[in-house]
Amino acid sequence: MKNSFTKYVDKDTILVLDGKTKFDVLDKLITCAADKSKVDRDIIMRATWKREKMMTTGVGFGLALPHIRLTGIPEPVVLVGLCKEPIVDYQSQDDQPIRVLVFIVAPEGNQEDYLQLLGSISRKLRNAEMIGEIVDNIARPSQVLRILKRRSKEEGESEE
């Protein structure tokens, strides 16, 4: 049984974002990730923008998966950002605006667990129907959490 990224997501890690640009929404997620991980905000910010310069994390269908790996954190921090406004400057691979971001700050090390985490997100969210259902519930983070958890159960993924 594969692990689900939703085991790291709860009502406090689903954020409704007011930003209108890529910088605005990533900045909010970076601040929250620093609070949750207890890692210096500047370290997370530098790693995030270094990753974005290598290649956009806008994967398509309105979804972005910004992800970094750092030393010194015991387990991944996963944040789900719900954009009130479409983020048109994100430079997604399909040139579509971003509405949902899943930001991962993962520990350095276990490559297999890291790839499993990314795969779990991609399997669940890299389709227009699922993103549409989430966007329809942007003002209701608790409902978005239920949608994500339901999808994990449907796919037989473990949240333990």
C-alpha atoms as a PDB file:
ATOM      1  CA  MET A   1       0.000   0.000   0.000  1.00  0.00           C
ATOM      2  CA  LYS A   2       1.390   3.399  -0.984  1.00  0.00           C
ATOM      3  CA  ASN A   3       1.535   6.313   1.418  1.00  0.00           C
ATOM      4  CA  SER A   4      -0.688   9.283   0.711  1.00  0.00           C
ATOM      5  CA  PHE A   5       0.411  12.894   0.920  1.00  0.00           C
ATOM      6  CA  THR A   6      -2.868  13.554   2.742  1.00  0.00           C
ATOM      7  CA  LYS A   7      -1.422  12.064   5.925  1.00  0.00           C
ATOM      8  CA  TYR A   8       0.525  15.358   6.198  1.00  0.00           C
ATOM      9  CA  VAL A   9      -2.490  17.571   5.427  1.00  0.00           C
ATOM     10  CA  ASP A  10      -5.018  18.864   7.943  1.00  0.00           C
ATOM     11  CA  LYS A  11      -7.287  21.867   8.331  1.00  0.00           C
ATOM     12  CA  ASP A  12      -4.314  24.043   9.328  1.00  0.00           C
ATOM     13  CA  THR A  13      -2.269  23.209   6.238  1.00  0.00           C
ATOM     14  CA  ILE A  14      -4.948  24.134   3.699  1.00  0.00           C
ATOM     15  CA  LEU A  15      -4.626  27.855   3.020  1.00  0.00           C
ATOM     16  CA  VAL A  16      -6.826  30.176   1.009  1.00  0.00           C
ATOM     17  CA  LEU A  17      -4.442  32.544  -0.790  1.00  0.00           C
ATOM     18  CA  ASP A  18      -5.335  36.125  -1.732  1.00  0.00           C
ATOM     19  CA  GLY A  19      -2.252  36.712  -3.899  1.00  0.00           C
ATOM     20  CA  LYS A  20      -2.459  37.575  -7.569  1.00  0.00           C
ATOM     21  CA  THR A  21       1.088  36.633  -8.630  1.00  0.00           C
ATOM     22  CA  LYS A  22       3.400  33.647  -8.351  1.00  0.00           C
ATOM     23  CA  PHE A  23       5.581  35.610  -5.942  1.00  0.00           C
ATOM     24  CA  ASP A  24       2.595  36.508  -3.716  1.00  0.00           C
ATOM     25  CA  VAL A  25       1.299  32.959  -3.324  1.00  0.00           C
ATOM     26  CA  LEU A  26       4.709  31.330  -2.910  1.00  0.00           C
ATOM     27  CA  ASP A  27       5.683  33.974  -0.351  1.00  0.00           C
ATOM     28  CA  LYS A  28       2.665  33.101   1.801  1.00  0.00           C
ATOM     29  CA  LEU A  29       3.360  29.360   1.513  1.00  0.00           C
ATOM     30  CA  ILE A  30       7.049  29.877   2.344  1.00  0.00           C
ATOM     31  CA  THR A  31       6.135  31.796   5.514  1.00  0.00           C
ATOM     32  CA  CYS A  32       3.706  29.109   6.617  1.00  0.00           C
ATOM     33  CA  ALA A  33       6.207  26.318   5.824  1.00  0.00           C
ATOM     34  CA  ALA A  34       8.830  28.084   7.941  1.00  0.00           C
ATOM     35  CA  ASP A  35       6.395  28.253  10.861  1.00  0.00           C
ATOM     36  CA  LYS A  36       5.410  24.586  10.539  1.00  0.00           C
ATOM     37  CA  SER A  37       8.906  23.202   9.944  1.00  0.00           C
ATOM     38  CA  LYS A  38      10.764  25.513  12.360  1.00  0.00           C
ATOM     39  CA  VAL A  39      13.283  26.161   9.561  1.00  0.00           C
ATOM     40  CA  ASP A  40      14.493  29.709   8.917  1.00  0.00           C
ATOM     41  CA  ARG A  41      12.233  31.390   6.356  1.00  0.00           C
ATOM     42  CA  ASP A  42      15.199  32.624   4.283  1.00  0.00           C
ATOM     43  CA  ILE A  43      16.495  29.077   3.838  1.00  0.00           C
ATOM     44  CA  ILE A  44      13.115  27.919   2.541  1.00  0.00           C
ATOM     45  CA  MET A  45      12.755  30.982   0.340  1.00  0.00           C
ATOM     46  CA  ARG A  46      16.185  30.572  -1.282  1.00  0.00           C
ATOM     47  CA  ALA A  47      15.656  26.841  -1.886  1.00  0.00           C
ATOM     48  CA  THR A  48      12.182  27.424  -3.332  1.00  0.00           C
ATOM     49  CA  TRP A  49      13.276  30.086  -5.800  1.00  0.00           C
ATOM     50  CA  LYS A  50      16.382  28.108  -6.754  1.00  0.00           C
ATOM     51  CA  ARG A  51      14.073  25.195  -7.615  1.00  0.00           C
ATOM     52  CA  GLU A  52      11.714  27.448  -9.589  1.00  0.00           C
ATOM     53  CA  LYS A  53      14.621  28.836 -11.641  1.00  0.00           C
ATOM     54  CA  MET A  54      15.615  25.299 -12.673  1.00  0.00           C
ATOM     55  CA  MET A  55      12.150  24.559 -14.033  1.00  0.00           C
ATOM     56  CA  THR A  56       8.627  25.719 -13.325  1.00  0.00           C
ATOM     57  CA  THR A  57       6.666  23.638 -10.841  1.00  0.00           C
ATOM     58  CA  GLY A  58       3.407  24.454 -12.623  1.00  0.00           C
ATOM     59  CA  VAL A  59       2.582  20.952 -13.864  1.00  0.00           C
ATOM     60  CA  GLY A  60      -0.677  21.674 -15.666  1.00  0.00           C
ATOM     61  CA  PHE A  61      -4.428  21.492 -15.162  1.00  0.00           C
ATOM     62  CA  GLY A  62      -4.256  24.462 -12.755  1.00  0.00           C
ATOM     63  CA  LEU A  63      -1.854  22.645 -10.409  1.00  0.00           C
ATOM     64  CA  ALA A  64       1.618  23.628  -9.166  1.00  0.00           C
ATOM     65  CA  LEU A  65       3.866  21.372  -7.075  1.00  0.00           C
ATOM     66  CA  PRO A  66       6.637  23.522  -5.634  1.00  0.00           C
ATOM     67  CA  HIS A  67       8.909  21.165  -3.706  1.00  0.00           C
ATOM     68  CA  ILE A  68      12.221  21.354  -1.918  1.00  0.00           C
ATOM     69  CA  ARG A  69      14.333  19.112   0.279  1.00  0.00           C
ATOM     70  CA  LEU A  70      16.173  20.316   3.361  1.00  0.00           C
ATOM     71  CA  THR A  71      18.307  18.843   6.093  1.00  0.00           C
ATOM     72  CA  GLY A  72      17.206  19.037   9.681  1.00  0.00           C
ATOM     73  CA  ILE A  73      13.484  18.374   9.458  1.00  0.00           C
ATOM     74  CA  PRO A  74      12.050  15.083  10.731  1.00  0.00           C
ATOM     75  CA  GLU A  75       9.125  14.701   8.313  1.00  0.00           C
ATOM     76  CA  PRO A  76       7.622  16.454   5.322  1.00  0.00           C
ATOM     77  CA  VAL A  77       5.586  19.619   5.635  1.00  0.00           C
ATOM     78  CA  VAL A  78       2.830  19.669   3.018  1.00  0.00           C
ATOM     79  CA  LEU A  79       0.738  22.774   2.435  1.00  0.00           C
ATOM     80  CA  VAL A  80      -2.200  23.069   0.050  1.00  0.00           C
ATOM     81  CA  GLY A  81      -2.685  26.588  -1.276  1.00  0.00           C
ATOM     82  CA  LEU A  82      -6.043  27.482  -2.808  1.00  0.00           C
ATOM     83  CA  CYS A  83      -5.831  30.584  -4.996  1.00  0.00           C
ATOM     84  CA  LYS A  84      -8.886  32.844  -4.932  1.00  0.00           C
ATOM     85  CA  GLU A  85      -7.699  34.353  -8.202  1.00  0.00           C
ATOM     86  CA  PRO A  86      -6.057  32.428 -11.056  1.00  0.00           C
ATOM     87  CA  ILE A  87      -2.276  32.922 -11.006  1.00  0.00           C
ATOM     88  CA  VAL A  88      -1.571  33.752 -14.638  1.00  0.00           C
ATOM     89  CA  ASP A  89       2.157  34.507 -14.287  1.00  0.00           C
ATOM     90  CA  TYR A  90       3.097  31.079 -12.891  1.00  0.00           C
ATOM     91  CA  GLN A  91       4.397  29.837 -16.262  1.00  0.00           C
ATOM     92  CA  SER A  92       2.768  26.436 -16.016  1.00  0.00           C
ATOM     93  CA  GLN A  93       3.851  23.724 -18.447  1.00  0.00           C
ATOM     94  CA  ASP A  94       0.456  23.925 -20.185  1.00  0.00           C
ATOM     95  CA  ASP A  95       0.317  27.766 -19.995  1.00  0.00           C
ATOM     96  CA  GLN A  96      -2.866  27.592 -17.899  1.00  0.00           C
ATOM     97  CA  PRO A  97      -3.343  29.701 -14.742  1.00  0.00           C
ATOM     98  CA  ILE A  98      -2.638  28.038 -11.399  1.00  0.00           C
ATOM     99  CA  ARG A  99      -5.442  27.625  -8.860  1.00  0.00           C
ATOM    100  CA  VAL A 100      -4.042  24.931  -6.528  1.00  0.00           C
ATOM    101  CA  LEU A 101      -0.508  24.660  -5.153  1.00  0.00           C
ATOM    102  CA  VAL A 102       0.807  21.772  -3.110  1.00  0.00           C
ATOM    103  CA  PHE A 103       4.017  22.958  -1.460  1.00  0.00           C
ATOM    104  CA  ILE A 104       6.335  20.294  -0.056  1.00  0.00           C
ATOM    105  CA  VAL A 105       9.276  20.837   2.253  1.00  0.00           C
ATOM    106  CA  ALA A 106      10.719  17.341   2.658  1.00  0.00           C
ATOM    107  CA  PRO A 107      13.717  16.008   4.546  1.00  0.00           C
ATOM    108  CA  GLU A 108      16.894  15.220   2.639  1.00  0.00           C
ATOM    109  CA  GLY A 109      17.532  11.532   2.461  1.00  0.00           C
ATOM    110  CA  ASN A 110      15.038   8.808   1.677  1.00  0.00           C
ATOM    111  CA  GLN A 111      14.574   9.270  -2.070  1.00  0.00           C
ATOM    112  CA  GLU A 112      11.952   6.516  -2.323  1.00  0.00           C
ATOM    113  CA  ASP A 113       9.642   8.144   0.256  1.00  0.00           C
ATOM    114  CA  TYR A 114      10.097  11.513  -1.445  1.00  0.00           C
ATOM    115  CA  LEU A 115       9.195  10.147  -4.869  1.00  0.00           C
ATOM    116  CA  GLN A 116       6.220   8.310  -3.366  1.00  0.00           C
ATOM    117  CA  LEU A 117       5.017  11.602  -1.864  1.00  0.00           C
ATOM    118  CA  LEU A 118       5.298  13.435  -5.193  1.00  0.00           C
ATOM    119  CA  GLY A 119       3.625  10.532  -6.990  1.00  0.00           C
ATOM    120  CA  SER A 120       0.716  10.538  -4.552  1.00  0.00           C
ATOM    121  CA  ILE A 121       0.029  14.203  -5.266  1.00  0.00           C
ATOM    122  CA  SER A 122       0.390  13.795  -9.001  1.00  0.00           C
ATOM    123  CA  ARG A 123      -1.932  10.770  -9.160  1.00  0.00           C
ATOM    124  CA  LYS A 124      -4.645  12.545  -7.220  1.00  0.00           C
ATOM    125  CA  LEU A 125      -4.477  16.062  -8.519  1.00  0.00           C
ATOM    126  CA  ARG A 126      -3.053  16.085 -12.011  1.00  0.00           C
ATOM    127  CA  ASN A 127      -6.425  16.106 -13.711  1.00  0.00           C
ATOM    128  CA  ALA A 128      -8.842  18.862 -14.572  1.00  0.00           C
ATOM    129  CA  GLU A 129     -11.849  17.212 -12.896  1.00  0.00           C
ATOM    130  CA  MET A 130     -10.208  16.984  -9.480  1.00  0.00           C
ATOM    131  CA  ILE A 131      -8.808  20.525  -9.672  1.00  0.00           C
ATOM    132  CA  GLY A 132     -12.275  21.733 -10.721  1.00  0.00           C
ATOM    133  CA  GLU A 133     -13.859  20.100  -7.673  1.00  0.00           C
ATOM    134  CA  ILE A 134     -11.274  21.742  -5.415  1.00  0.00           C
ATOM    135  CA  VAL A 135     -11.691  25.161  -7.087  1.00  0.00           C
ATOM    136  CA  ASP A 136     -15.457  24.900  -6.611  1.00  0.00           C
ATOM    137  CA  ASN A 137     -14.771  24.622  -2.868  1.00  0.00           C
ATOM    138  CA  ILE A 138     -11.973  27.201  -2.503  1.00  0.00           C
ATOM    139  CA  ALA A 139     -13.867  29.117   0.180  1.00  0.00           C
ATOM    140  CA  ARG A 140     -14.354  25.885   2.183  1.00  0.00           C
ATOM    141  CA  PRO A 141     -10.957  24.392   3.147  1.00  0.00           C
ATOM    142  CA  SER A 142     -12.592  21.723   5.339  1.00  0.00           C
ATOM    143  CA  GLN A 143     -14.489  20.465   2.285  1.00  0.00           C
ATOM    144  CA  VAL A 144     -11.267  20.450   0.244  1.00  0.00           C
ATOM    145  CA  LEU A 145      -9.684  18.297   2.966  1.00  0.00           C
ATOM    146  CA  ARG A 146     -12.610  15.839   2.708  1.00  0.00           C
ATOM    147  CA  ILE A 147     -12.215  15.727  -1.087  1.00  0.00           C
ATOM    148  CA  LEU A 148      -8.496  14.958  -0.806  1.00  0.00           C
ATOM    149  CA  LYS A 149      -8.968  12.285   1.873  1.00  0.00           C
ATOM    150  CA  ARG A 150     -11.811  10.666  -0.093  1.00  0.00           C
ATOM    151  CA  ARG A 151      -9.605  10.422  -3.151  1.00  0.00           C
ATOM    152  CA  SER A 152      -6.858   8.727  -1.098  1.00  0.00           C
ATOM    153  CA  LYS A 153      -9.287   6.103   0.161  1.00  0.00           C
ATOM    154  CA  GLU A 154     -10.603   5.492  -3.368  1.00  0.00           C
ATOM    155  CA  GLU A 155      -7.036   4.808  -4.500  1.00  0.00           C
ATOM    156  CA  GLY A 156      -6.280   2.531  -1.540  1.00  0.00           C
ATOM    157  CA  GLU A 157      -3.523   4.744  -0.177  1.00  0.00           C
ATOM    158  CA  SER A 158      -2.474   4.666   3.467  1.00  0.00           C
ATOM    159  CA  GLU A 159      -2.543   7.727   5.688  1.00  0.00           C
ATOM    160  CA  GLU A 160      -0.548   6.114   8.467  1.00  0.00           C
END
